[in-house]
N, C-alpha and C. Protein backbone atom coordinates (compact mmCIF):
# COMPACT_ATOMS: atom_id res chain seq x y z
N MET A 1 131.78 60.03 123.50
CA MET A 1 132.46 60.33 122.29
C MET A 1 132.15 59.58 120.85
N ALA A 2 132.62 59.61 119.68
CA ALA A 2 132.64 59.33 118.42
C ALA A 2 133.29 57.71 118.48
N SER A 3 132.93 56.80 117.93
CA SER A 3 134.00 55.79 117.77
C SER A 3 134.95 55.89 116.89
N PRO A 4 136.42 55.88 117.30
CA PRO A 4 137.42 56.19 116.56
C PRO A 4 137.73 55.22 115.58
N HIS A 5 138.06 55.93 114.34
CA HIS A 5 138.39 54.87 113.02
C HIS A 5 139.68 54.12 113.46
N PRO A 6 139.81 52.77 113.66
CA PRO A 6 140.87 51.84 113.69
C PRO A 6 142.30 52.45 113.61
N ASP A 7 142.45 53.22 112.55
CA ASP A 7 143.89 53.86 112.25
C ASP A 7 144.00 55.27 112.68
N SER A 8 143.02 55.83 113.51
CA SER A 8 143.20 57.29 114.16
C SER A 8 143.97 57.57 114.85
N LEU A 9 144.58 58.59 115.31
CA LEU A 9 145.12 58.92 116.36
C LEU A 9 144.52 58.55 117.46
N ALA A 10 143.20 58.63 117.94
CA ALA A 10 142.65 58.28 119.14
C ALA A 10 142.72 56.84 119.54
N ALA A 11 142.53 55.95 118.22
CA ALA A 11 142.61 54.51 118.36
C ALA A 11 144.27 54.22 118.71
N THR A 12 145.41 54.84 118.38
CA THR A 12 146.27 54.75 118.44
C THR A 12 147.31 55.39 119.59
N ALA A 13 146.75 56.36 119.99
CA ALA A 13 147.41 57.25 121.34
C ALA A 13 147.53 56.11 122.60
N ARG A 14 148.39 56.45 123.39
CA ARG A 14 148.75 55.74 124.61
C ARG A 14 149.32 56.56 125.79
N GLY A 15 148.81 56.44 126.96
CA GLY A 15 148.88 57.22 128.11
C GLY A 15 148.27 58.24 128.29
N PRO A 16 148.54 59.50 128.48
CA PRO A 16 147.62 60.73 128.63
C PRO A 16 147.47 61.23 127.43
N ASP A 17 147.93 60.81 125.92
CA ASP A 17 147.64 61.42 125.16
C ASP A 17 146.26 60.80 124.79
N ARG A 18 145.75 59.71 125.14
CA ARG A 18 144.60 59.10 125.05
C ARG A 18 143.40 60.37 125.27
N LEU A 19 143.55 61.67 126.09
CA LEU A 19 142.58 62.28 126.47
C LEU A 19 142.42 63.41 125.43
N LEU A 20 143.34 63.41 124.52
CA LEU A 20 143.50 64.92 123.20
C LEU A 20 141.92 65.13 123.28
N GLY A 21 141.14 64.12 122.63
CA GLY A 21 139.97 64.38 122.28
C GLY A 21 139.08 65.12 123.39
N TRP A 22 138.94 64.63 124.63
CA TRP A 22 138.55 65.50 125.55
C TRP A 22 139.31 66.95 125.96
N VAL A 23 140.06 66.98 125.58
CA VAL A 23 140.82 68.36 125.82
C VAL A 23 140.62 69.19 124.65
N VAL A 24 140.45 68.50 123.41
CA VAL A 24 139.51 69.69 122.71
C VAL A 24 138.20 70.10 122.73
N LEU A 25 137.38 69.01 123.39
CA LEU A 25 136.19 69.38 123.95
C LEU A 25 135.82 70.29 125.15
N LEU A 26 136.99 70.37 125.80
CA LEU A 26 137.40 71.12 127.01
C LEU A 26 137.41 72.52 126.30
N ALA A 27 137.95 72.75 125.51
CA ALA A 27 138.42 74.09 124.58
C ALA A 27 137.36 74.91 124.06
N GLY A 28 136.56 73.48 123.47
CA GLY A 28 135.10 73.95 123.01
C GLY A 28 134.05 74.51 123.96
N ILE A 29 134.25 74.35 125.42
CA ILE A 29 133.46 74.83 126.37
C ILE A 29 133.80 76.08 126.67
N LEU A 30 135.31 75.64 127.03
CA LEU A 30 135.80 76.91 127.34
C LEU A 30 135.49 78.24 126.59
N LEU A 31 135.38 77.80 125.13
CA LEU A 31 135.45 78.81 124.08
C LEU A 31 133.53 79.36 123.91
N VAL A 32 132.65 78.74 124.27
CA VAL A 32 131.34 78.95 124.20
C VAL A 32 131.33 80.11 125.48
N LEU A 33 131.72 79.55 126.72
CA LEU A 33 131.87 80.44 127.97
C LEU A 33 132.63 81.73 127.57
N GLY A 34 133.57 81.73 127.09
CA GLY A 34 134.57 83.08 126.82
C GLY A 34 133.60 83.92 125.81
N TRP A 35 132.74 83.38 124.97
CA TRP A 35 131.81 84.01 124.48
C TRP A 35 130.84 84.94 125.02
N THR A 36 130.39 84.24 125.99
CA THR A 36 128.96 84.58 126.60
C THR A 36 129.64 85.22 128.04
N LEU A 37 130.53 85.13 128.45
CA LEU A 37 130.97 85.57 129.93
C LEU A 37 131.10 87.08 129.71
N PRO A 38 131.01 87.97 130.43
CA PRO A 38 131.25 89.29 130.20
C PRO A 38 132.93 89.11 130.22
N ILE A 39 133.47 89.98 129.50
CA ILE A 39 134.90 90.45 128.86
C ILE A 39 135.59 91.41 130.05
N MET A 40 134.43 92.61 129.78
CA MET A 40 134.67 93.67 130.64
C MET A 40 133.56 94.30 131.03
N THR A 41 133.73 95.69 132.03
CA THR A 41 132.40 96.64 132.34
C THR A 41 133.05 97.70 131.76
N VAL A 42 132.34 98.46 131.18
CA VAL A 42 132.78 99.84 130.75
C VAL A 42 131.73 100.77 131.40
N GLU A 43 132.23 101.77 132.27
CA GLU A 43 131.82 102.64 133.01
C GLU A 43 131.86 103.93 132.37
N LYS A 44 130.90 104.76 132.24
CA LYS A 44 130.93 105.83 131.57
C LYS A 44 130.28 107.11 132.54
N LEU A 45 131.12 108.20 133.03
CA LEU A 45 130.81 109.23 133.65
C LEU A 45 130.32 109.04 134.85
N TRP A 46 131.09 107.86 135.67
CA TRP A 46 131.12 107.25 136.95
C TRP A 46 129.64 106.81 137.41
N PHE A 47 128.68 106.88 136.55
CA PHE A 47 127.14 106.43 136.96
C PHE A 47 126.63 105.38 135.98
N LEU A 48 127.30 105.42 134.82
CA LEU A 48 126.61 104.42 133.91
C LEU A 48 127.82 103.38 133.44
N SER A 49 127.16 102.02 133.75
CA SER A 49 127.94 100.98 133.31
C SER A 49 127.34 100.00 132.64
N GLU A 50 128.04 99.05 132.15
CA GLU A 50 127.45 98.04 131.06
C GLU A 50 128.60 97.04 131.02
N ARG A 51 128.33 95.84 131.33
CA ARG A 51 129.01 94.60 131.04
C ARG A 51 128.90 93.94 129.66
N VAL A 52 129.93 93.46 129.03
CA VAL A 52 130.04 93.79 127.41
C VAL A 52 130.55 91.85 127.46
N SER A 53 129.99 91.06 126.88
CA SER A 53 130.22 89.83 126.34
C SER A 53 130.92 89.98 124.76
N ILE A 54 131.85 89.09 124.38
CA ILE A 54 132.14 88.96 123.03
C ILE A 54 131.04 89.05 122.03
N LEU A 55 130.40 87.96 122.35
CA LEU A 55 129.04 87.95 121.71
C LEU A 55 128.16 89.41 121.41
N GLN A 56 127.96 90.02 122.79
CA GLN A 56 127.33 90.90 122.77
C GLN A 56 128.11 92.39 122.14
N GLY A 57 129.32 92.22 122.42
CA GLY A 57 130.25 93.36 121.81
C GLY A 57 130.03 93.30 120.17
N ALA A 58 129.80 92.09 119.59
CA ALA A 58 129.64 91.77 118.30
C ALA A 58 128.61 92.30 117.49
N ALA A 59 127.31 91.94 118.42
CA ALA A 59 126.20 92.34 118.07
C ALA A 59 125.79 94.09 118.19
N GLU A 60 126.60 94.49 119.29
CA GLU A 60 126.53 96.29 119.27
C GLU A 60 127.13 96.64 117.63
N LEU A 61 128.41 96.02 117.47
CA LEU A 61 129.30 96.38 116.38
C LEU A 61 127.92 96.41 115.13
N TRP A 62 127.27 95.20 115.06
CA TRP A 62 126.71 95.10 114.02
C TRP A 62 125.58 96.21 113.87
N ARG A 63 124.83 96.48 115.04
CA ARG A 63 123.60 97.50 115.55
C ARG A 63 124.04 98.88 114.98
N HIS A 64 125.37 99.02 115.25
CA HIS A 64 126.17 100.49 115.05
C HIS A 64 126.68 100.60 113.25
N GLY A 65 126.42 99.48 112.71
CA GLY A 65 126.99 99.78 111.51
C GLY A 65 128.44 99.13 111.33
N ASP A 66 129.11 98.96 112.05
CA ASP A 66 130.60 98.79 112.23
C ASP A 66 130.89 97.27 111.41
N LEU A 67 130.38 97.10 110.25
CA LEU A 67 130.54 96.03 109.61
C LEU A 67 131.95 94.99 109.72
N PHE A 68 132.95 95.76 109.41
CA PHE A 68 134.36 95.48 109.45
C PHE A 68 134.80 95.15 110.79
N LEU A 69 134.67 95.64 111.92
CA LEU A 69 135.12 95.21 113.10
C LEU A 69 133.95 93.78 113.56
N PHE A 70 133.26 94.16 113.28
CA PHE A 70 132.00 92.90 113.29
C PHE A 70 132.57 91.64 112.99
N ALA A 71 132.94 91.82 111.27
CA ALA A 71 133.49 90.48 110.92
C ALA A 71 134.42 90.33 111.29
N VAL A 72 135.52 91.23 111.66
CA VAL A 72 137.15 90.68 112.34
C VAL A 72 136.79 89.94 113.59
N ILE A 73 135.82 90.59 114.48
CA ILE A 73 135.73 89.72 115.65
C ILE A 73 134.71 88.41 115.73
N VAL A 74 133.81 88.30 114.74
CA VAL A 74 132.91 87.20 114.18
C VAL A 74 133.89 86.06 113.62
N VAL A 75 134.88 86.50 112.85
CA VAL A 75 135.91 85.76 111.94
C VAL A 75 136.58 85.20 112.95
N PHE A 76 137.13 85.95 113.74
CA PHE A 76 138.59 85.27 114.40
C PHE A 76 138.06 84.72 116.11
N SER A 77 136.97 85.40 116.49
CA SER A 77 136.73 84.65 117.56
C SER A 77 135.49 83.61 117.66
N VAL A 78 134.75 83.77 116.56
CA VAL A 78 133.64 82.41 116.58
C VAL A 78 133.92 81.49 115.32
N VAL A 79 133.94 81.81 114.05
CA VAL A 79 134.27 80.95 112.94
C VAL A 79 135.48 80.05 112.96
N PHE A 80 136.75 80.79 113.03
CA PHE A 80 137.79 80.35 113.15
C PHE A 80 138.04 79.24 113.88
N PRO A 81 137.88 79.68 115.19
CA PRO A 81 137.98 78.68 116.74
C PRO A 81 137.10 77.36 116.48
N LEU A 82 135.79 77.73 115.88
CA LEU A 82 134.89 76.70 115.69
C LEU A 82 135.52 75.55 114.86
N LEU A 83 135.77 76.29 113.58
CA LEU A 83 136.34 75.38 112.55
C LEU A 83 137.51 74.69 112.79
N LYS A 84 138.42 75.40 113.57
CA LYS A 84 139.57 74.48 114.42
C LYS A 84 139.29 73.20 115.02
N LEU A 85 138.39 73.62 115.81
CA LEU A 85 137.86 72.57 116.80
C LEU A 85 137.14 71.35 116.24
N GLY A 86 136.45 71.92 115.52
CA GLY A 86 135.55 70.54 114.76
C GLY A 86 136.65 70.01 113.78
N LEU A 87 137.27 70.44 113.34
CA LEU A 87 138.33 69.82 112.00
C LEU A 87 139.37 69.00 113.13
N ALA A 88 139.80 69.55 114.34
CA ALA A 88 140.61 68.88 115.14
C ALA A 88 140.16 67.34 115.71
N LEU A 89 138.67 67.45 116.08
CA LEU A 89 138.27 66.40 116.59
C LEU A 89 137.84 65.67 115.27
N TYR A 90 137.60 65.72 114.07
CA TYR A 90 137.17 64.78 113.05
C TYR A 90 138.71 64.41 112.96
N LEU A 91 139.67 65.04 112.88
CA LEU A 91 141.22 64.36 112.61
C LEU A 91 141.53 63.29 113.64
N TRP A 92 141.10 63.67 114.96
CA TRP A 92 141.80 62.87 116.13
C TRP A 92 141.05 61.65 115.74
N TYR A 93 139.74 61.58 115.76
CA TYR A 93 138.90 60.45 115.65
C TYR A 93 138.70 59.72 114.24
N GLN A 94 139.00 60.10 113.13
CA GLN A 94 138.63 59.74 111.82
C GLN A 94 139.87 59.47 111.02
N ALA A 95 140.78 60.44 111.01
CA ALA A 95 141.79 60.48 109.96
C ALA A 95 142.78 59.07 110.24
N ASP A 96 143.16 58.77 108.98
CA ASP A 96 144.20 57.78 109.17
C ASP A 96 145.47 58.43 109.83
N ALA A 97 146.01 57.85 111.03
CA ALA A 97 147.30 58.36 111.92
C ALA A 97 148.60 58.56 110.74
N GLY A 98 148.66 57.40 110.08
CA GLY A 98 150.03 57.17 109.23
C GLY A 98 150.05 58.02 107.84
N GLY A 99 148.71 58.55 107.21
CA GLY A 99 148.29 59.46 106.32
C GLY A 99 148.75 60.69 106.17
N ALA A 100 149.50 60.88 105.16
CA ALA A 100 150.10 62.47 104.90
C ALA A 100 149.12 63.32 104.87
N LEU A 101 147.80 63.47 104.54
CA LEU A 101 146.99 64.43 104.96
C LEU A 101 146.79 64.96 106.53
N LEU A 102 146.75 63.97 107.33
CA LEU A 102 146.69 64.04 108.72
C LEU A 102 147.64 65.34 108.96
N GLY A 103 148.91 64.88 108.75
CA GLY A 103 149.89 66.08 108.97
C GLY A 103 149.57 67.48 108.38
N ARG A 104 149.55 67.43 107.20
CA ARG A 104 149.10 68.67 106.42
C ARG A 104 148.12 69.30 107.22
N ALA A 105 146.72 68.73 107.47
CA ALA A 105 145.97 69.23 107.80
C ALA A 105 146.01 69.70 109.75
N LEU A 106 146.63 69.22 109.87
CA LEU A 106 147.04 69.84 111.42
C LEU A 106 147.78 70.69 111.63
N GLY A 107 148.65 70.89 110.28
CA GLY A 107 149.52 71.78 110.24
C GLY A 107 149.09 73.15 109.71
N TRP A 108 147.78 73.16 108.99
CA TRP A 108 146.80 74.13 108.73
C TRP A 108 146.31 74.83 109.93
N ILE A 109 145.88 73.40 110.79
CA ILE A 109 144.94 74.26 111.91
C ILE A 109 145.77 74.82 112.98
N GLU A 110 147.00 74.51 112.76
CA GLU A 110 147.83 75.41 113.86
C GLU A 110 148.09 76.79 113.13
N GLN A 111 148.31 76.64 112.01
CA GLN A 111 148.19 78.07 111.67
C GLN A 111 147.12 79.02 111.84
N LEU A 112 146.09 78.15 111.24
CA LEU A 112 144.73 78.95 111.81
C LEU A 112 144.60 79.08 113.68
N GLY A 113 145.14 78.39 114.23
CA GLY A 113 144.74 78.52 115.75
C GLY A 113 145.77 79.92 116.05
N ARG A 114 146.93 80.50 115.57
CA ARG A 114 147.76 81.53 115.82
C ARG A 114 146.77 82.50 115.62
N TRP A 115 145.70 82.82 114.54
CA TRP A 115 145.20 83.73 114.24
C TRP A 115 143.93 84.05 115.39
N SER A 116 143.81 83.02 116.07
CA SER A 116 142.53 82.91 117.00
C SER A 116 143.13 83.95 118.35
N MET A 117 144.39 84.38 118.49
CA MET A 117 144.93 85.16 119.46
C MET A 117 144.42 86.42 118.63
N LEU A 118 144.28 86.83 117.51
CA LEU A 118 143.96 88.31 117.08
C LEU A 118 143.12 89.12 117.97
N ASP A 119 142.08 87.85 118.20
CA ASP A 119 140.90 88.76 118.91
C ASP A 119 141.17 89.12 120.12
N VAL A 120 142.09 88.18 121.34
CA VAL A 120 142.68 88.93 122.15
C VAL A 120 143.28 90.15 122.22
N PHE A 121 144.06 90.46 121.22
CA PHE A 121 144.80 91.57 121.07
C PHE A 121 143.80 92.85 120.71
N VAL A 122 142.76 92.36 120.03
CA VAL A 122 141.91 93.51 119.54
C VAL A 122 140.97 93.97 121.14
N VAL A 123 140.55 93.00 121.98
CA VAL A 123 139.74 93.38 123.04
C VAL A 123 140.96 94.28 123.40
N ALA A 124 142.39 93.85 123.98
CA ALA A 124 143.24 94.81 124.52
C ALA A 124 143.11 95.91 124.25
N LEU A 125 143.71 96.07 122.53
CA LEU A 125 143.33 97.39 122.09
C LEU A 125 142.26 98.28 122.46
N LEU A 126 141.17 97.55 122.60
CA LEU A 126 139.73 98.20 123.05
C LEU A 126 139.88 98.96 124.31
N VAL A 127 140.17 97.91 125.14
CA VAL A 127 140.64 98.41 126.38
C VAL A 127 141.47 99.72 126.40
N VAL A 128 142.36 99.54 126.22
CA VAL A 128 143.79 100.58 126.41
C VAL A 128 142.77 102.09 125.66
N ALA A 129 142.19 101.92 124.50
CA ALA A 129 141.48 102.94 123.93
C ALA A 129 140.37 103.79 124.91
N ILE A 130 139.48 102.77 125.31
CA ILE A 130 138.33 103.14 126.38
C ILE A 130 139.06 104.01 127.42
N GLN A 131 140.21 103.20 127.93
CA GLN A 131 140.75 103.63 129.22
C GLN A 131 141.31 105.11 129.06
N ALA A 132 141.75 105.40 128.00
CA ALA A 132 142.49 106.60 127.36
C ALA A 132 141.41 107.41 127.28
N SER A 133 140.17 107.40 127.45
CA SER A 133 138.85 108.35 127.39
C SER A 133 139.18 108.93 128.67
N LEU A 134 138.56 110.16 129.02
CA LEU A 134 138.78 110.85 130.42
C LEU A 134 137.16 110.63 130.90
N ILE A 135 136.46 109.81 129.91
CA ILE A 135 135.01 109.74 130.95
C ILE A 135 134.73 108.53 131.17
N SER A 136 135.35 107.61 130.85
CA SER A 136 135.21 106.08 130.78
C SER A 136 136.20 105.11 131.26
N ASP A 137 135.75 104.23 132.16
CA ASP A 137 136.51 103.34 132.73
C ASP A 137 136.67 101.98 132.22
N VAL A 138 137.63 100.99 132.22
CA VAL A 138 137.29 99.83 131.91
C VAL A 138 137.59 98.95 133.08
N ALA A 139 136.66 97.68 133.20
CA ALA A 139 137.30 96.72 134.25
C ALA A 139 137.05 95.55 133.31
N MET A 140 138.32 94.48 134.10
CA MET A 140 138.17 93.44 132.93
C MET A 140 137.43 92.22 133.73
N HIS A 141 136.90 91.16 132.88
CA HIS A 141 136.23 90.23 133.73
C HIS A 141 136.45 88.87 132.94
N SER A 142 135.81 87.91 133.77
CA SER A 142 136.61 86.11 133.75
C SER A 142 136.21 85.93 131.94
N GLY A 143 135.35 86.71 131.50
CA GLY A 143 135.32 86.34 129.93
C GLY A 143 136.57 86.23 128.85
N ILE A 144 137.27 87.32 129.17
CA ILE A 144 138.29 87.17 128.24
C ILE A 144 139.55 86.75 128.52
N TYR A 145 139.52 85.86 129.87
CA TYR A 145 140.84 85.26 130.55
C TYR A 145 140.00 83.67 130.00
N VAL A 146 138.92 83.31 130.15
CA VAL A 146 138.29 82.11 129.60
C VAL A 146 138.49 81.89 128.25
N PHE A 147 138.07 82.72 127.23
CA PHE A 147 138.39 82.65 125.80
C PHE A 147 140.00 82.50 125.53
N THR A 148 140.97 83.13 126.45
CA THR A 148 142.23 83.16 126.38
C THR A 148 142.44 81.80 126.52
N ALA A 149 142.03 81.00 127.55
CA ALA A 149 142.41 79.78 127.97
C ALA A 149 141.90 78.88 126.89
N ALA A 150 140.86 79.18 125.97
CA ALA A 150 140.13 78.42 125.65
C ALA A 150 141.26 78.41 124.04
N VAL A 151 141.83 79.51 123.70
CA VAL A 151 142.51 79.29 122.36
C VAL A 151 143.88 78.60 122.69
N LEU A 152 144.22 79.17 124.19
CA LEU A 152 145.59 78.32 124.29
C LEU A 152 145.51 77.18 124.55
N VAL A 153 144.50 76.28 125.15
CA VAL A 153 144.26 74.88 125.19
C VAL A 153 144.01 74.29 123.96
N SER A 154 143.42 74.94 123.05
CA SER A 154 143.33 74.35 121.56
C SER A 154 144.46 74.53 121.03
N ILE A 155 145.25 75.33 120.84
CA ILE A 155 146.84 75.53 120.22
C ILE A 155 147.69 74.40 120.74
N LEU A 156 148.01 74.17 122.40
CA LEU A 156 148.51 72.96 122.98
C LEU A 156 148.18 71.99 122.41
N ALA A 157 146.40 71.45 122.50
CA ALA A 157 146.02 70.39 121.98
C ALA A 157 146.68 69.61 120.51
N VAL A 158 146.51 71.04 119.75
CA VAL A 158 146.83 70.71 118.33
C VAL A 158 148.01 70.58 118.16
N GLN A 159 149.19 71.31 118.91
CA GLN A 159 150.55 70.80 118.77
C GLN A 159 150.95 69.68 119.08
N ARG A 160 150.15 69.27 120.02
CA ARG A 160 150.34 67.63 120.46
C ARG A 160 150.01 66.59 119.49
N MET A 161 148.47 66.82 118.98
CA MET A 161 148.24 65.98 118.01
C MET A 161 149.29 66.05 116.50
N THR A 162 149.61 67.18 116.19
CA THR A 162 151.04 66.98 115.10
C THR A 162 151.80 66.35 115.53
N ARG A 163 152.16 66.50 116.83
CA ARG A 163 153.43 65.75 117.04
C ARG A 163 153.37 64.23 117.19
N LEU A 164 152.09 63.76 117.48
CA LEU A 164 152.00 62.41 117.36
C LEU A 164 151.58 61.95 116.00
N ALA A 165 151.01 62.78 115.05
CA ALA A 165 150.85 62.50 113.88
C ALA A 165 152.05 62.24 113.01
N ARG A 166 153.14 63.26 113.13
CA ARG A 166 154.56 63.03 112.53
C ARG A 166 155.14 61.68 113.03
N ARG A 167 154.99 61.62 114.50
CA ARG A 167 155.73 59.99 114.90
C ARG A 167 154.76 58.88 114.23
N ALA A 168 153.44 59.04 113.95
CA ALA A 168 153.02 57.79 113.60
C ALA A 168 153.54 57.74 111.79
N ARG A 169 153.36 58.88 111.40
CA ARG A 169 153.99 58.99 109.74
C ARG A 169 155.29 58.39 109.73
N ARG A 170 156.09 58.72 110.43
CA ARG A 170 157.39 58.24 110.45
C ARG A 170 157.52 56.87 110.60
N ALA A 171 156.45 56.27 111.55
CA ALA A 171 156.55 54.83 111.94
C ALA A 171 155.76 54.04 110.77
N TYR A 172 155.07 54.64 110.14
CA TYR A 172 154.30 54.27 108.98
C TYR A 172 155.10 54.04 108.00
N GLU A 173 156.41 55.00 107.58
CA GLU A 173 157.13 54.87 106.34
C GLU A 173 158.19 53.91 106.84
N ASP A 174 158.60 53.54 108.14
CA ASP A 174 159.52 52.84 108.22
C ASP A 174 159.47 51.14 107.94
């Protein structure tokens, strides 16, 4: 881990809260696994089947010219979560725990994190649409669960960081 700034949340955290940087890294590992593990198998006509990961699905959308859906998946599944986790780690290790900027930035990350669940919703809609077809069947796989876990772990970690930042800000103002 990077050496924390002396006034950062990482340097001032106590007890289990000291592990929040590691929790954010765990969310990053889960995120990468969620992108690459199969999220579903689509079976067509009872004899053709294909396992699809989030990244493979995005590549297929690009290849078929579905640029809007490609952009939605990439922005909400890849870009937003990466930005969120990277910024959360930076703020955890480098931002002044008593500074107003930290609280505002963490609030922004919390709002951004909620949009990450949009991708899970899009995949769920896709599964429903495919299963509505008479010639296709869908089986869910670990990738969607791992991706969902990454999103939830990151949301919980950032919420805890926000509470710690508010507490530090109040202590700083007193």
